[in-house]
Amino acid sequence: MASTVENKKTQRVLRGEVVKTNMSKTVVVQVDTMKRHAKYNKAYRVSKKYHVHDEKGEAKVSNIVDFVECRPISATKCWRLSAVVKAAK
């Protein structure tokens, strides 16, 4: 028989800025990435917003946070808050 091999899925970790905290246990985090145009080689910014599960309600607007991928929690949430990296002033 074959030996047992554990298939552990690597979790994606993203960092972004909290832009909205109006929902209960949910924050909206905006992640900005820089891309380079294939033909013109010019750098441009791409923004994407994610709904992140915040169980304890510790994230505030303008905080920089880390969040990881998890199982689907609701129709729009499949990310959970990992840590608050930098608190807003």
Foldseek 3Di string as FASTA:
>chain_A
DDDDDDDDDDKDKAKFFFADDPDPQKTKGKGKDWDADPPPRDIDIDIDIAIEGRNVSPHDGGFIFMKIAAPDPDPGYRIYTDGGPGHDD
